[in-house]
Amino acid sequence: MLSKVDKHIGTMLFLYTESHVYYGKVEMVQGREIYITIGDQVLIIDGRTLVHVCST
């Protein structure tokens, strides 16, 4: 799943985890962590919790 996200750095993605859906700009992938910008906040998502990735 992380390899799909890694290919889309700098673009907007929907990231689906087991309990949440995030929509934001992927800033970087470091190890198992995904850094995305949503509005003016940067969130760090554990890549092991991803169940689906979708571009707009």
PDB file of N, CA and C in Angstrom:
ATOM      1  N   MET A   1       0.824  -1.197   0.000  1.00  0.00           N
ATOM      2  CA  MET A   1       0.000   0.000   0.000  1.00  0.00           C
ATOM      3  C   MET A   1       0.870   1.264   0.000  1.00  0.00           C
ATOM      4  N   LEU A   2       1.963   1.246   0.746  1.00  0.00           N
ATOM      5  CA  LEU A   2       2.824   2.426   0.805  1.00  0.00           C
ATOM      6  C   LEU A   2       3.448   2.743  -0.547  1.00  0.00           C
ATOM      7  N   SER A   3       3.711   1.731  -1.355  1.00  0.00           N
ATOM      8  CA  SER A   3       4.293   1.988  -2.680  1.00  0.00           C
ATOM      9  C   SER A   3       3.326   2.761  -3.562  1.00  0.00           C
ATOM     10  N   LYS A   4       2.021   2.533  -3.403  1.00  0.00           N
ATOM     11  CA  LYS A   4       1.026   3.308  -4.148  1.00  0.00           C
ATOM     12  C   LYS A   4       1.058   4.769  -3.733  1.00  0.00           C
ATOM     13  N   VAL A   5       1.184   5.019  -2.443  1.00  0.00           N
ATOM     14  CA  VAL A   5       1.215   6.388  -1.923  1.00  0.00           C
ATOM     15  C   VAL A   5       2.505   7.079  -2.359  1.00  0.00           C
ATOM     16  N   ASP A   6       3.608   6.357  -2.314  1.00  0.00           N
ATOM     17  CA  ASP A   6       4.920   6.914  -2.652  1.00  0.00           C
ATOM     18  C   ASP A   6       4.957   7.451  -4.082  1.00  0.00           C
ATOM     19  N   LYS A   7       4.199   6.854  -4.972  1.00  0.00           N
ATOM     20  CA  LYS A   7       4.154   7.290  -6.371  1.00  0.00           C
ATOM     21  C   LYS A   7       3.382   8.598  -6.555  1.00  0.00           C
ATOM     22  N   HIS A   8       2.639   9.020  -5.539  1.00  0.00           N
ATOM     23  CA  HIS A   8       1.763  10.187  -5.652  1.00  0.00           C
ATOM     24  C   HIS A   8       2.181  11.344  -4.745  1.00  0.00           C
ATOM     25  N   ILE A   9       3.457  11.426  -4.393  1.00  0.00           N
ATOM     26  CA  ILE A   9       3.922  12.530  -3.554  1.00  0.00           C
ATOM     27  C   ILE A   9       3.673  13.848  -4.283  1.00  0.00           C
ATOM     28  N   GLY A  10       3.094  14.806  -3.578  1.00  0.00           N
ATOM     29  CA  GLY A  10       2.768  16.104  -4.164  1.00  0.00           C
ATOM     30  C   GLY A  10       1.376  16.190  -4.748  1.00  0.00           C
ATOM     31  N   THR A  11       0.599  15.107  -4.690  1.00  0.00           N
ATOM     32  CA  THR A  11      -0.756  15.126  -5.231  1.00  0.00           C
ATOM     33  C   THR A  11      -1.773  14.886  -4.121  1.00  0.00           C
ATOM     34  N   MET A  12      -3.025  15.141  -4.435  1.00  0.00           N
ATOM     35  CA  MET A  12      -4.114  14.936  -3.485  1.00  0.00           C
ATOM     36  C   MET A  12      -4.595  13.491  -3.570  1.00  0.00           C
ATOM     37  N   LEU A  13      -4.746  12.858  -2.413  1.00  0.00           N
ATOM     38  CA  LEU A  13      -5.200  11.473  -2.352  1.00  0.00           C
ATOM     39  C   LEU A  13      -6.236  11.287  -1.258  1.00  0.00           C
ATOM     40  N   PHE A  14      -7.094  10.299  -1.465  1.00  0.00           N
ATOM     41  CA  PHE A  14      -7.941   9.782  -0.392  1.00  0.00           C
ATOM     42  C   PHE A  14      -7.188   8.609   0.210  1.00  0.00           C
ATOM     43  N   LEU A  15      -6.989   8.632   1.506  1.00  0.00           N
ATOM     44  CA  LEU A  15      -6.337   7.537   2.216  1.00  0.00           C
ATOM     45  C   LEU A  15      -7.352   6.921   3.169  1.00  0.00           C
ATOM     46  N   TYR A  16      -7.657   5.655   2.967  1.00  0.00           N
ATOM     47  CA  TYR A  16      -8.638   4.958   3.791  1.00  0.00           C
ATOM     48  C   TYR A  16      -7.906   4.072   4.785  1.00  0.00           C
ATOM     49  N   THR A  17      -8.180   4.283   6.075  1.00  0.00           N
ATOM     50  CA  THR A  17      -7.657   3.394   7.106  1.00  0.00           C
ATOM     51  C   THR A  17      -8.824   2.577   7.642  1.00  0.00           C
ATOM     52  N   GLU A  18      -8.553   1.769   8.620  1.00  0.00           N
ATOM     53  CA  GLU A  18      -9.608   0.941   9.196  1.00  0.00           C
ATOM     54  C   GLU A  18     -10.708   1.763   9.847  1.00  0.00           C
ATOM     55  N   SER A  19     -10.376   2.988  10.298  1.00  0.00           N
ATOM     56  CA  SER A  19     -11.375   3.766  11.028  1.00  0.00           C
ATOM     57  C   SER A  19     -11.619   5.175  10.481  1.00  0.00           C
ATOM     58  N   HIS A  20     -10.802   5.655   9.537  1.00  0.00           N
ATOM     59  CA  HIS A  20     -10.946   7.020   9.038  1.00  0.00           C
ATOM     60  C   HIS A  20     -10.697   7.094   7.528  1.00  0.00           C
ATOM     61  N   VAL A  21     -11.195   8.178   6.952  1.00  0.00           N
ATOM     62  CA  VAL A  21     -10.871   8.522   5.569  1.00  0.00           C
ATOM     63  C   VAL A  21     -10.229   9.899   5.598  1.00  0.00           C
ATOM     64  N   TYR A  22      -9.050  10.016   4.996  1.00  0.00           N
ATOM     65  CA  TYR A  22      -8.332  11.284   4.942  1.00  0.00           C
ATOM     66  C   TYR A  22      -8.236  11.725   3.492  1.00  0.00           C
ATOM     67  N   TYR A  23      -8.341  13.031   3.258  1.00  0.00           N
ATOM     68  CA  TYR A  23      -8.135  13.588   1.932  1.00  0.00           C
ATOM     69  C   TYR A  23      -7.149  14.731   2.083  1.00  0.00           C
ATOM     70  N   GLY A  24      -6.001  14.593   1.460  1.00  0.00           N
ATOM     71  CA  GLY A  24      -5.003  15.638   1.596  1.00  0.00           C
ATOM     72  C   GLY A  24      -3.872  15.459   0.614  1.00  0.00           C
ATOM     73  N   LYS A  25      -2.958  16.414   0.647  1.00  0.00           N
ATOM     74  CA  LYS A  25      -1.785  16.398  -0.229  1.00  0.00           C
ATOM     75  C   LYS A  25      -0.679  15.584   0.437  1.00  0.00           C
ATOM     76  N   VAL A  26      -0.191  14.594  -0.269  1.00  0.00           N
ATOM     77  CA  VAL A  26       0.882  13.754   0.259  1.00  0.00           C
ATOM     78  C   VAL A  26       2.190  14.533   0.189  1.00  0.00           C
ATOM     79  N   GLU A  27       2.804  14.759   1.340  1.00  0.00           N
ATOM     80  CA  GLU A  27       4.067  15.498   1.406  1.00  0.00           C
ATOM     81  C   GLU A  27       5.267  14.575   1.263  1.00  0.00           C
ATOM     82  N   MET A  28       5.242  13.461   2.000  1.00  0.00           N
ATOM     83  CA  MET A  28       6.336  12.500   1.903  1.00  0.00           C
ATOM     84  C   MET A  28       5.948  11.196   2.589  1.00  0.00           C
ATOM     85  N   VAL A  29       6.702  10.171   2.245  1.00  0.00           N
ATOM     86  CA  VAL A  29       6.585   8.879   2.908  1.00  0.00           C
ATOM     87  C   VAL A  29       7.949   8.583   3.503  1.00  0.00           C
ATOM     88  N   GLN A  30       7.966   8.341   4.806  1.00  0.00           N
ATOM     89  CA  GLN A  30       9.227   8.063   5.491  1.00  0.00           C
ATOM     90  C   GLN A  30       9.041   6.807   6.326  1.00  0.00           C
ATOM     91  N   GLY A  31       9.724   5.746   5.938  1.00  0.00           N
ATOM     92  CA  GLY A  31       9.526   4.470   6.623  1.00  0.00           C
ATOM     93  C   GLY A  31       8.095   4.007   6.420  1.00  0.00           C
ATOM     94  N   ARG A  32       7.384   3.806   7.511  1.00  0.00           N
ATOM     95  CA  ARG A  32       5.974   3.390   7.433  1.00  0.00           C
ATOM     96  C   ARG A  32       5.017   4.546   7.676  1.00  0.00           C
ATOM     97  N   GLU A  33       5.542   5.763   7.785  1.00  0.00           N
ATOM     98  CA  GLU A  33       4.704   6.923   8.072  1.00  0.00           C
ATOM     99  C   GLU A  33       4.446   7.734   6.812  1.00  0.00           C
ATOM    100  N   ILE A  34       3.208   8.190   6.685  1.00  0.00           N
ATOM    101  CA  ILE A  34       2.791   9.023   5.565  1.00  0.00           C
ATOM    102  C   ILE A  34       2.479  10.411   6.113  1.00  0.00           C
ATOM    103  N   TYR A  35       3.083  11.423   5.544  1.00  0.00           N
ATOM    104  CA  TYR A  35       2.855  12.807   5.964  1.00  0.00           C
ATOM    105  C   TYR A  35       1.947  13.457   4.927  1.00  0.00           C
ATOM    106  N   ILE A  36       0.756  13.904   5.362  1.00  0.00           N
ATOM    107  CA  ILE A  36      -0.166  14.573   4.446  1.00  0.00           C
ATOM    108  C   ILE A  36      -0.586  15.919   5.030  1.00  0.00           C
ATOM    109  N   THR A  37      -0.837  16.857   4.129  1.00  0.00           N
ATOM    110  CA  THR A  37      -1.317  18.172   4.526  1.00  0.00           C
ATOM    111  C   THR A  37      -2.815  18.233   4.280  1.00  0.00           C
ATOM    112  N   ILE A  38      -3.542  18.591   5.333  1.00  0.00           N
ATOM    113  CA  ILE A  38      -4.986  18.802   5.246  1.00  0.00           C
ATOM    114  C   ILE A  38      -5.229  20.207   5.773  1.00  0.00           C
ATOM    115  N   GLY A  39      -5.590  21.114   4.875  1.00  0.00           N
ATOM    116  CA  GLY A  39      -5.735  22.510   5.271  1.00  0.00           C
ATOM    117  C   GLY A  39      -4.379  23.059   5.655  1.00  0.00           C
ATOM    118  N   ASP A  40      -4.251  23.534   6.892  1.00  0.00           N
ATOM    119  CA  ASP A  40      -2.966  24.062   7.349  1.00  0.00           C
ATOM    120  C   ASP A  40      -2.291  23.134   8.358  1.00  0.00           C
ATOM    121  N   GLN A  41      -2.749  21.887   8.431  1.00  0.00           N
ATOM    122  CA  GLN A  41      -2.167  20.914   9.356  1.00  0.00           C
ATOM    123  C   GLN A  41      -1.464  19.799   8.592  1.00  0.00           C
ATOM    124  N   VAL A  42      -0.386  19.307   9.178  1.00  0.00           N
ATOM    125  CA  VAL A  42       0.289  18.132   8.635  1.00  0.00           C
ATOM    126  C   VAL A  42      -0.017  16.959   9.559  1.00  0.00           C
ATOM    127  N   LEU A  43      -0.583  15.906   8.993  1.00  0.00           N
ATOM    128  CA  LEU A  43      -0.898  14.711   9.766  1.00  0.00           C
ATOM    129  C   LEU A  43       0.085  13.601   9.410  1.00  0.00           C
ATOM    130  N   ILE A  44       0.386  12.782  10.382  1.00  0.00           N
ATOM    131  CA  ILE A  44       1.229  11.613  10.165  1.00  0.00           C
ATOM    132  C   ILE A  44       0.341  10.382  10.321  1.00  0.00           C
ATOM    133  N   ILE A  45       0.259   9.587   9.275  1.00  0.00           N
ATOM    134  CA  ILE A  45      -0.586   8.396   9.281  1.00  0.00           C
ATOM    135  C   ILE A  45       0.314   7.165   9.251  1.00  0.00           C
ATOM    136  N   ASP A  46       0.002   6.195  10.079  1.00  0.00           N
ATOM    137  CA  ASP A  46       0.731   4.931  10.087  1.00  0.00           C
ATOM    138  C   ASP A  46       0.325   4.145   8.841  1.00  0.00           C
ATOM    139  N   GLY A  47       1.258   3.918   7.957  1.00  0.00           N
ATOM    140  CA  GLY A  47       0.973   3.236   6.704  1.00  0.00           C
ATOM    141  C   GLY A  47       0.482   1.814   6.867  1.00  0.00           C
ATOM    142  N   ARG A  48       0.750   1.203   8.015  1.00  0.00           N
ATOM    143  CA  ARG A  48       0.287  -0.167   8.247  1.00  0.00           C
ATOM    144  C   ARG A  48      -1.221  -0.243   8.406  1.00  0.00           C
ATOM    145  N   THR A  49      -1.884   0.902   8.661  1.00  0.00           N
ATOM    146  CA  THR A  49      -3.344   0.888   8.861  1.00  0.00           C
ATOM    147  C   THR A  49      -4.109   1.133   7.566  1.00  0.00           C
ATOM    148  N   LEU A  50      -3.407   1.411   6.463  1.00  0.00           N
ATOM    149  CA  LEU A  50      -4.085   1.691   5.197  1.00  0.00           C
ATOM    150  C   LEU A  50      -4.797   0.456   4.668  1.00  0.00           C
ATOM    151  N   VAL A  51      -6.016   0.668   4.181  1.00  0.00           N
ATOM    152  CA  VAL A  51      -6.751  -0.410   3.545  1.00  0.00           C
ATOM    153  C   VAL A  51      -7.050  -0.101   2.080  1.00  0.00           C
ATOM    154  N   HIS A  52      -6.999   1.194   1.694  1.00  0.00           N
ATOM    155  CA  HIS A  52      -7.270   1.581   0.304  1.00  0.00           C
ATOM    156  C   HIS A  52      -6.703   2.975   0.057  1.00  0.00           C
ATOM    157  N   VAL A  53      -6.246   3.197  -1.172  1.00  0.00           N
ATOM    158  CA  VAL A  53      -5.736   4.502  -1.601  1.00  0.00           C
ATOM    159  C   VAL A  53      -6.416   4.841  -2.906  1.00  0.00           C
ATOM    160  N   CYS A  54      -6.883   6.096  -3.035  1.00  0.00           N
ATOM    161  CA  CYS A  54      -7.603   6.489  -4.236  1.00  0.00           C
ATOM    162  C   CYS A  54      -7.221   7.924  -4.607  1.00  0.00           C
ATOM    163  N   SER A  55      -6.856   8.145  -5.883  1.00  0.00           N
ATOM    164  CA  SER A  55      -6.582   9.504  -6.340  1.00  0.00           C
ATOM    165  C   SER A  55      -7.862  10.145  -6.823  1.00  0.00           C
ATOM    166  N   THR A  56      -7.857  11.465  -6.937  1.00  0.00           N
ATOM    167  CA  THR A  56      -9.070  12.168  -7.349  1.00  0.00           C
ATOM    168  C   THR A  56      -9.204  12.216  -8.848  1.00  0.00           C
TER     169      THR A  56
END
